[in-house]
């Protein structure tokens, strides 16, 4: 399912195409009513929806022009938003706006309504002159809907360019990935464990991808079903989000039965040109880190945005701590191990989130204090095992703070944060 979701999100035309198809069906229904069932339908609908052909042609022409204008303005607005996202936030956040349901739905409504009006004009024939038609009434309803969506889209754009909304959305992307793992664990469909390569097998086969790029999605459900059918356990040595080439060995397939001749397991693995947060929660954390880095750059110089990012990162990191493991193994219906995928443990995720912020924010006292605040929040909301891992990163994230850069009052505030964090970790 996630594989099809990924493909739908990659192709921006997919959702507008569905609306276009719906508009063609609606046009066929309305034209059928006007040409075949007009007399019977007029008894059940208000007469105000029916007009003569000349007036209907005028109305539909005006509506088509208005919808095309709104569509043009919407596309221009989208380009402005994309420029803002790329220059002020991060190029990685562009896909977040373009693949949002709201954006695609608005474009779909505009495209579908325009197609309806144009096709309806095409069927306004001379032999309908003596008959009242419904097409313009439906067109007016669609025009009102388009105006409503246009106003909603402007409101949506105004909210989307607020960095606080972007940060919250990125956090929710990461939380959604962790939530899926928790639900699968509660349903006893996965287990968290260390990487355990089988030693006794009849045959081991290397698996290589068909393309160069990032491992975006692995159809674990399909792979588990295939593994049960043919009797194998597939162990990946590449994580979701890793960059691979056609020559990279991404997994080993361990067979306990005879290997089928024409089995293609790469169909269950999606490799693309960019990372996606569908199964890669760490990518959401990376984007939040990039937004923070862009905010503290000399060109923007907005440390408060960076601090907001870091605080939201603490919430996401707490969730990562609850699914901390070296690997996730997916089970079949008989609770047999079928698919094992490595993942970054909590220490690696913590390092990924802060290793660049630590470098570029080391001279900004507000960023340093907020980083310590983030570690305190993680320690307060996590179990003892995660606290130990935060303690293991103490030297990297805490002791590396260069107090020579700051004034005595700054150092006092840093020492207070360090003392509180030390008490929580001990």
Protein backbone atom coordinates (compact mmCIF):
# COMPACT_ATOMS: atom_id res chain seq x y z
CA UNK A 1 0.00 0.00 0.00
CA UNK A 2 2.78 2.43 0.89
CA UNK A 3 4.44 1.70 -2.44
CA UNK A 4 1.35 2.87 -4.32
CA UNK A 5 1.03 5.85 -1.99
CA UNK A 6 4.61 6.82 -2.82
CA UNK A 7 3.96 6.63 -6.54
CA UNK A 8 0.79 8.67 -6.20
CA UNK A 9 2.68 11.35 -4.24
CA UNK A 10 5.54 11.43 -6.75
CA UNK A 11 3.18 12.07 -9.67
CA UNK A 12 1.49 15.43 -9.05
CA UNK A 13 -0.86 14.84 -11.97
CA UNK A 14 -2.42 11.74 -10.37
CA UNK A 15 -5.00 13.42 -8.10
CA UNK A 16 -5.99 16.11 -10.67
CA UNK A 17 -6.43 13.29 -13.19
CA UNK A 18 -8.97 11.62 -10.90
CA UNK A 19 -10.93 14.86 -10.68
CA UNK A 20 -10.70 15.24 -14.46
CA UNK A 21 -12.11 11.74 -14.90
CA UNK A 22 -14.92 12.54 -12.47
CA UNK A 23 -15.72 15.71 -14.41
CA UNK A 24 -15.96 13.75 -17.67
CA UNK A 25 -18.39 11.33 -16.02
CA UNK A 26 -20.41 14.27 -14.64
CA UNK A 27 -20.48 15.86 -18.09
CA UNK A 28 -21.77 12.63 -19.61
CA UNK A 29 -24.54 12.44 -17.00
CA UNK A 30 -25.61 16.07 -17.45
CA UNK A 31 -25.58 15.86 -21.26
CA UNK A 32 -27.63 12.65 -21.06
CA UNK A 33 -30.18 14.45 -18.90
CA UNK A 34 -30.32 17.41 -21.30
CA UNK A 35 -30.69 15.28 -24.42
CA UNK A 36 -32.69 12.25 -23.25
CA UNK A 37 -34.30 12.73 -19.83
CA UNK A 38 -34.91 16.50 -19.81
CA UNK A 39 -38.70 16.38 -19.55
CA UNK A 40 -38.80 13.94 -16.63
CA UNK A 41 -35.94 15.51 -14.68
CA UNK A 42 -37.37 19.05 -14.85
CA UNK A 43 -40.26 17.92 -12.67
CA UNK A 44 -37.90 17.06 -9.80
CA UNK A 45 -35.38 19.94 -9.89
CA UNK A 46 -35.94 23.69 -9.38
CA UNK A 47 -36.61 25.46 -12.67
CA UNK A 48 -33.97 28.09 -11.88
CA UNK A 49 -31.27 25.51 -12.72
CA UNK A 50 -32.51 25.24 -16.32
CA UNK A 51 -31.74 27.84 -19.00
CA UNK A 52 -31.96 28.08 -22.77
CA UNK A 53 -28.97 27.19 -24.92
CA UNK A 54 -27.88 30.76 -25.69
CA UNK A 55 -27.80 31.82 -22.04
CA UNK A 56 -26.21 28.52 -21.07
CA UNK A 57 -23.41 29.06 -23.61
CA UNK A 58 -22.75 32.56 -22.25
CA UNK A 59 -22.68 31.35 -18.64
CA UNK A 60 -20.39 28.39 -19.37
CA UNK A 61 -18.00 30.57 -21.38
CA UNK A 62 -17.71 33.06 -18.52
CA UNK A 63 -17.22 30.29 -15.98
CA UNK A 64 -14.50 28.61 -18.07
CA UNK A 65 -12.60 31.91 -18.33
CA UNK A 66 -12.93 32.59 -14.59
CA UNK A 67 -11.80 29.07 -13.61
CA UNK A 68 -8.80 29.28 -15.93
CA UNK A 69 -7.86 32.61 -14.32
CA UNK A 70 -8.12 31.16 -10.80
CA UNK A 71 -6.04 28.15 -11.86
CA UNK A 72 -3.33 30.45 -13.26
CA UNK A 73 -3.24 32.51 -10.06
CA UNK A 74 -3.07 29.32 -7.97
CA UNK A 75 -0.12 27.98 -9.96
CA UNK A 76 1.66 31.33 -9.64
CA UNK A 77 1.07 31.24 -5.88
CA UNK A 78 2.49 27.72 -5.72
CA UNK A 79 5.69 28.88 -7.45
CA UNK A 80 6.07 31.69 -4.90
CA UNK A 81 5.66 29.21 -2.05
CA UNK A 82 8.20 26.83 -3.59
CA UNK A 83 10.71 29.66 -3.91
CA UNK A 84 10.14 30.58 -0.26
CA UNK A 85 10.54 26.99 0.89
CA UNK A 86 13.74 26.52 -1.08
CA UNK A 87 15.43 29.78 -0.10
CA UNK A 88 14.36 30.17 3.54
CA UNK A 89 13.67 26.65 4.80
CA UNK A 90 15.27 23.78 2.87
CA UNK A 91 15.06 22.34 -0.67
CA UNK A 92 14.03 19.04 0.95
CA UNK A 93 10.80 20.64 2.17
CA UNK A 94 9.52 21.41 -1.35
CA UNK A 95 7.85 18.02 -1.68
CA UNK A 96 5.94 18.59 1.57
CA UNK A 97 3.89 21.41 0.06
CA UNK A 98 3.43 19.94 -3.43
CA UNK A 99 2.26 16.54 -2.20
CA UNK A 100 -0.15 17.91 0.41
CA UNK A 101 -3.73 16.73 -0.05
CA UNK A 102 -5.02 20.30 0.07
CA UNK A 103 -2.81 21.51 -2.78
CA UNK A 104 -3.59 18.57 -5.01
CA UNK A 105 -7.31 18.71 -4.21
CA UNK A 106 -7.54 22.40 -5.12
CA UNK A 107 -5.79 21.83 -8.43
CA UNK A 108 -8.03 18.84 -9.06
CA UNK A 109 -11.21 20.88 -8.47
CA UNK A 110 -10.03 23.61 -10.83
CA UNK A 111 -8.97 21.20 -13.56
CA UNK A 112 -12.14 19.12 -13.26
CA UNK A 113 -14.45 22.15 -13.33
CA UNK A 114 -12.68 23.62 -16.37
CA UNK A 115 -12.96 20.33 -18.25
CA UNK A 116 -16.66 20.13 -17.40
CA UNK A 117 -17.42 23.62 -18.72
CA UNK A 118 -15.45 23.12 -21.94
CA UNK A 119 -17.03 19.74 -22.69
CA UNK A 120 -20.49 21.10 -21.89
CA UNK A 121 -19.93 23.94 -24.37
CA UNK A 122 -18.97 21.37 -26.97
CA UNK A 123 -22.37 19.67 -26.65
CA UNK A 124 -24.45 22.86 -26.80
CA UNK A 125 -25.92 22.02 -30.24
CA UNK A 126 -28.36 24.00 -32.39
CA UNK A 127 -31.05 21.34 -32.17
CA UNK A 128 -31.31 22.03 -28.43
CA UNK A 129 -32.45 25.62 -29.03
CA UNK A 130 -36.05 24.91 -28.16
CA UNK A 131 -35.12 23.04 -24.99
CA UNK A 132 -34.03 24.19 -21.56
CA UNK A 133 -30.77 22.58 -20.36
CA UNK A 134 -29.22 21.79 -16.98
CA UNK A 135 -25.54 22.15 -17.94
CA UNK A 136 -25.25 25.83 -17.02
CA UNK A 137 -26.91 25.28 -13.62
CA UNK A 138 -24.39 22.59 -12.71
CA UNK A 139 -21.64 24.87 -14.06
CA UNK A 140 -22.71 27.67 -11.70
CA UNK A 141 -22.61 25.26 -8.74
CA UNK A 142 -19.08 24.18 -9.75
CA UNK A 143 -18.04 27.83 -10.10
CA UNK A 144 -19.23 28.57 -6.55
CA UNK A 145 -17.30 25.51 -5.31
CA UNK A 146 -14.19 26.73 -7.14
CA UNK A 147 -14.45 30.16 -5.52
CA UNK A 148 -14.71 28.50 -2.11
CA UNK A 149 -11.66 26.35 -2.80
CA UNK A 150 -9.77 29.38 -4.11
CA UNK A 151 -10.36 31.31 -0.87
CA UNK A 152 -9.44 28.21 1.14
CA UNK A 153 -6.26 27.77 -0.90
CA UNK A 154 -5.14 31.35 -0.26
CA UNK A 155 -5.71 30.76 3.46
CA UNK A 156 -3.80 27.48 3.23
CA UNK A 157 -0.84 29.14 1.50
CA UNK A 158 -0.73 31.90 4.11
CA UNK A 159 -0.51 29.25 6.84
CA UNK A 160 1.95 27.05 4.95
CA UNK A 161 4.64 29.70 4.67
CA UNK A 162 4.64 30.12 8.44
CA UNK A 163 7.72 28.29 9.60
CA UNK A 164 6.00 27.12 12.80
CA UNK A 165 3.40 25.24 10.73
CA UNK A 166 6.14 23.67 8.59
CA UNK A 167 8.06 22.50 11.66
CA UNK A 168 4.92 21.01 13.21
CA UNK A 169 4.10 19.23 9.94
CA UNK A 170 7.61 17.76 9.71
CA UNK A 171 7.35 16.51 13.28
CA UNK A 172 4.01 14.84 12.52
CA UNK A 173 5.57 13.11 9.49
CA UNK A 174 8.18 11.52 11.72
CA UNK A 175 5.64 10.67 14.42
CA UNK A 176 3.42 8.93 11.85
CA UNK A 177 6.29 6.60 10.90
CA UNK A 178 6.98 5.72 14.55
CA UNK A 179 3.26 5.20 15.19
CA UNK A 180 3.08 2.61 12.39
CA UNK A 181 5.92 0.65 13.99
CA UNK A 182 4.21 0.75 17.39
CA UNK A 183 0.94 -0.51 15.94
CA UNK A 184 2.69 -3.36 14.14
CA UNK A 185 4.52 -4.27 17.35
CA UNK A 186 1.29 -4.34 19.35
CA UNK A 187 -0.28 -6.53 16.67
CA UNK A 188 2.74 -8.88 17.00
CA UNK A 189 3.65 -8.44 13.35
CA UNK A 190 7.17 -7.17 14.06
CA UNK A 191 9.83 -7.56 16.71
CA UNK A 192 12.73 -5.28 17.62
CA UNK A 193 16.07 -7.06 17.82
CA UNK A 194 19.75 -6.96 17.00
CA UNK A 195 20.97 -7.87 13.54
CA UNK A 196 21.13 -11.66 13.45
CA UNK A 197 22.38 -13.24 10.22
CA UNK A 198 21.45 -16.88 9.76
CA UNK A 199 24.37 -19.28 9.75
CA UNK A 200 22.78 -22.56 8.66
CA UNK A 201 20.92 -22.32 5.36
CA UNK A 202 20.69 -24.32 2.19
CA UNK A 203 21.38 -21.41 -0.09
CA UNK A 204 22.18 -17.70 0.14
CA UNK A 205 21.45 -15.29 -2.70
CA UNK A 206 22.55 -11.67 -2.99
CA UNK A 207 19.93 -9.09 -3.92
CA UNK A 208 20.84 -5.95 -5.88
CA UNK A 209 18.52 -3.07 -6.89
CA UNK A 210 17.56 -2.19 -10.45
CA UNK A 211 18.27 1.54 -10.10
CA UNK A 212 20.57 4.05 -8.44
CA UNK A 213 19.08 6.22 -5.72
CA UNK A 214 17.67 6.11 -2.23
CA UNK A 215 15.81 3.16 -0.78
CA UNK A 216 12.38 4.76 -0.39
CA UNK A 217 9.89 2.02 0.44
CA UNK A 218 10.06 -1.72 1.11
CA UNK A 219 6.83 -3.67 0.74
CA UNK A 220 7.38 -5.72 3.88
CA UNK A 221 3.90 -7.25 3.85
CA UNK A 222 4.32 -8.50 0.30
CA UNK A 223 7.83 -9.73 0.99
CA UNK A 224 6.71 -11.61 4.11
CA UNK A 225 3.94 -13.33 2.14
CA UNK A 226 6.40 -14.23 -0.62
CA UNK A 227 8.93 -15.49 1.92
CA UNK A 228 6.34 -17.74 3.54
CA UNK A 229 5.30 -19.13 0.15
CA UNK A 230 8.83 -19.96 -1.03
CA UNK A 231 10.49 -20.58 2.33
CA UNK A 232 13.14 -17.90 2.78
CA UNK A 233 14.27 -15.19 5.17
CA UNK A 234 15.49 -11.95 3.60
CA UNK A 235 17.96 -9.88 5.63
CA UNK A 236 18.67 -6.37 4.40
CA UNK A 237 22.04 -4.77 5.01
CA UNK A 238 20.88 -1.37 3.73
CA UNK A 239 18.49 0.79 5.69
CA UNK A 240 15.50 2.65 4.33
CA UNK A 241 16.89 6.02 3.26
CA UNK A 242 20.35 4.69 2.32
CA UNK A 243 21.81 5.54 -1.08
CA UNK A 244 22.48 2.52 -3.31
CA UNK A 245 23.63 1.77 -6.84
CA UNK A 246 22.86 -1.09 -9.22
CA UNK A 247 25.96 -2.86 -7.92
CA UNK A 248 25.13 -2.49 -4.24
CA UNK A 249 24.16 -5.63 -2.35
CA UNK A 250 21.14 -4.45 -0.40
CA UNK A 251 20.05 -7.80 1.06
CA UNK A 252 20.80 -11.51 1.41
CA UNK A 253 18.07 -14.07 0.84
CA UNK A 254 18.42 -17.24 2.92
CA UNK A 255 16.44 -20.16 1.48
CA UNK A 256 15.26 -23.16 3.46
CA UNK A 257 13.56 -24.60 0.37
CA UNK A 258 14.61 -24.93 -3.23
CA UNK A 259 15.09 -21.50 -4.84
CA UNK A 260 12.52 -20.65 -7.56
CA UNK A 261 13.96 -19.83 -10.96
CA UNK A 262 11.97 -16.73 -11.94
CA UNK A 263 11.41 -15.01 -8.60
CA UNK A 264 12.01 -11.23 -8.69
CA UNK A 265 12.15 -9.65 -5.23
CA UNK A 266 13.23 -6.20 -6.47
CA UNK A 267 9.60 -5.51 -7.36
CA UNK A 268 8.96 -5.15 -3.62
CA UNK A 269 11.67 -2.48 -3.23
CA UNK A 270 11.25 1.09 -4.44
CA UNK A 271 14.44 3.03 -5.21
CA UNK A 272 14.10 6.68 -6.21
CA UNK A 273 16.00 9.90 -6.69
CA UNK A 274 15.16 11.38 -3.28
CA UNK A 275 14.31 10.23 0.23
CA UNK A 276 10.72 10.08 1.37
CA UNK A 277 9.28 10.10 4.93
CA UNK A 278 6.73 7.31 4.29
CA UNK A 279 8.94 4.72 6.03
CA UNK A 280 11.94 6.92 6.77
CA UNK A 281 11.17 8.83 9.95
CA UNK A 282 14.79 9.98 10.29
CA UNK A 283 14.33 11.99 7.08
CA UNK A 284 11.75 14.17 8.83
CA UNK A 285 14.28 14.76 11.61
CA UNK A 286 16.92 15.67 9.04
CA UNK A 287 14.61 18.21 7.41
CA UNK A 288 13.90 19.80 10.78
CA UNK A 289 17.64 20.00 11.39
CA UNK A 290 18.15 21.65 7.98
CA UNK A 291 15.47 24.25 8.71
CA UNK A 292 17.28 25.04 11.97
CA UNK A 293 20.63 25.31 10.18
CA UNK A 294 19.17 27.62 7.55
CA UNK A 295 17.69 29.80 10.30
CA UNK A 296 21.05 30.31 12.06
CA UNK A 297 22.93 31.00 8.83
CA UNK A 298 24.35 34.55 8.49
CA UNK A 299 22.04 35.29 5.55
CA UNK A 300 18.85 34.71 7.56
CA UNK A 301 20.03 35.02 11.18
CA UNK A 302 16.83 33.81 12.87
CA UNK A 303 17.94 31.80 15.93
CA UNK A 304 14.42 31.74 17.40
CA UNK A 305 13.24 29.60 14.47
CA UNK A 306 16.21 27.29 15.02
CA UNK A 307 15.34 27.01 18.71
CA UNK A 308 11.73 26.18 17.83
CA UNK A 309 12.97 23.42 15.53
CA UNK A 310 15.19 21.95 18.23
CA UNK A 311 12.34 21.88 20.75
CA UNK A 312 10.09 20.01 18.35
CA UNK A 313 12.98 17.65 17.58
CA UNK A 314 12.97 16.62 21.25
CA UNK A 315 9.39 15.37 20.91
CA UNK A 316 10.29 13.32 17.85
CA UNK A 317 13.45 11.96 19.47
CA UNK A 318 11.47 10.71 22.47
CA UNK A 319 9.31 8.66 20.10
CA UNK A 320 12.37 7.26 18.33
CA UNK A 321 13.61 6.13 21.74
CA UNK A 322 10.49 4.00 22.20
CA UNK A 323 11.24 1.95 19.05
CA UNK A 324 15.01 1.84 19.58
CA UNK A 325 16.64 -1.26 18.09
CA UNK A 326 19.33 -2.26 15.63
CA UNK A 327 16.80 -3.94 13.35
CA UNK A 328 13.12 -4.66 12.80
CA UNK A 329 12.02 -8.16 11.83
CA UNK A 330 8.65 -8.69 10.18
CA UNK A 331 6.82 -11.91 10.94
CA UNK A 332 4.43 -13.98 8.86
CA UNK A 333 1.09 -15.32 10.07
CA UNK A 334 2.84 -18.21 11.83
CA UNK A 335 5.17 -15.79 13.71
CA UNK A 336 8.17 -16.95 11.66
CA UNK A 337 10.89 -14.40 10.88
CA UNK A 338 10.68 -13.41 7.23
CA UNK A 339 12.04 -9.87 6.63
CA UNK A 340 14.76 -8.16 8.67
CA UNK A 341 15.57 -4.50 8.01
CA UNK A 342 18.30 -2.62 9.90
CA UNK A 343 17.55 0.81 11.34
CA UNK A 344 19.56 3.51 13.05
CA UNK A 345 19.70 3.10 16.80
CA UNK A 346 18.95 6.00 19.11
CA UNK A 347 22.56 7.15 19.43
CA UNK A 348 22.93 7.36 15.64
CA UNK A 349 19.64 9.27 15.34
CA UNK A 350 20.70 11.68 18.08
CA UNK A 351 24.01 12.23 16.30
CA UNK A 352 22.25 12.77 12.94
CA UNK A 353 19.96 15.38 14.46
CA UNK A 354 22.66 17.47 16.16
CA UNK A 355 26.04 16.98 14.55
CA UNK A 356 25.64 19.95 12.19
CA UNK A 357 23.73 22.13 14.66
CA UNK A 358 26.57 21.56 17.14
CA UNK A 359 29.09 22.99 14.64
CA UNK A 360 27.19 25.96 13.20
CA UNK A 361 25.44 26.95 16.44
CA UNK A 362 28.38 26.69 18.82
CA UNK A 363 28.81 30.49 19.06
CA UNK A 364 25.10 31.24 19.55
CA UNK A 365 24.24 31.01 23.25
CA UNK A 366 20.50 30.64 22.57
CA UNK A 367 21.09 27.62 20.33
CA UNK A 368 23.46 26.06 22.87
CA UNK A 369 20.94 26.51 25.69
CA UNK A 370 18.09 25.15 23.58
CA UNK A 371 20.15 22.09 22.65
CA UNK A 372 20.68 21.40 26.34
CA UNK A 373 16.97 22.00 26.92
CA UNK A 374 16.20 19.43 24.22
CA UNK A 375 18.39 16.84 25.93
CA UNK A 376 16.64 17.59 29.23
CA UNK A 377 13.23 17.08 27.62
CA UNK A 378 14.38 13.77 26.14
CA UNK A 379 15.72 12.61 29.49
CA UNK A 380 12.51 13.60 31.28
CA UNK A 381 10.29 11.74 28.83
CA UNK A 382 12.32 8.57 28.23
CA UNK A 383 13.14 5.34 30.04
CA UNK A 384 16.44 4.55 31.75
CA UNK A 385 17.88 2.78 28.70
CA UNK A 386 17.46 5.89 26.55
CA UNK A 387 18.86 8.04 29.34
CA UNK A 388 21.99 5.89 29.27
CA UNK A 389 22.33 6.49 25.55
CA UNK A 390 21.92 10.22 26.03
CA UNK A 391 24.62 9.93 28.69
CA UNK A 392 26.86 8.19 26.16
CA UNK A 393 26.51 11.25 23.92
CA UNK A 394 27.41 13.57 26.81
CA UNK A 395 30.94 14.16 25.66
CA UNK A 396 29.86 14.90 22.09
CA UNK A 397 26.92 17.19 22.80
CA UNK A 398 27.66 18.70 26.21
CA UNK A 399 31.36 18.68 27.01
CA UNK A 400 32.18 19.98 23.53
CA UNK A 401 30.48 23.33 24.32
CA UNK A 402 33.22 25.97 24.10
CA UNK A 403 32.66 28.26 27.06
CA UNK A 404 35.46 30.57 25.88
CA UNK A 405 32.99 32.05 23.38
CA UNK A 406 30.57 33.31 26.05
CA UNK A 407 30.31 35.85 28.82
CA UNK A 408 30.17 34.86 32.53
CA UNK A 409 26.36 35.16 32.70
CA UNK A 410 26.06 32.96 29.60
CA UNK A 411 28.32 30.38 31.22
CA UNK A 412 26.21 30.47 34.37
CA UNK A 413 23.08 29.62 32.36
CA UNK A 414 24.91 26.83 30.55
CA UNK A 415 26.14 25.34 33.83
CA UNK A 416 22.62 25.38 35.27
CA UNK A 417 21.31 23.44 32.25
CA UNK A 418 24.21 21.00 32.43
CA UNK A 419 23.61 20.44 36.15
CA UNK A 420 19.91 19.70 35.61
CA UNK A 421 20.70 17.31 32.74
CA UNK A 422 23.35 15.56 34.81
CA UNK A 423 20.86 15.02 37.65
CA UNK A 424 18.32 13.50 35.25
CA UNK A 425 20.88 11.17 33.67
CA UNK A 426 22.32 10.01 36.96
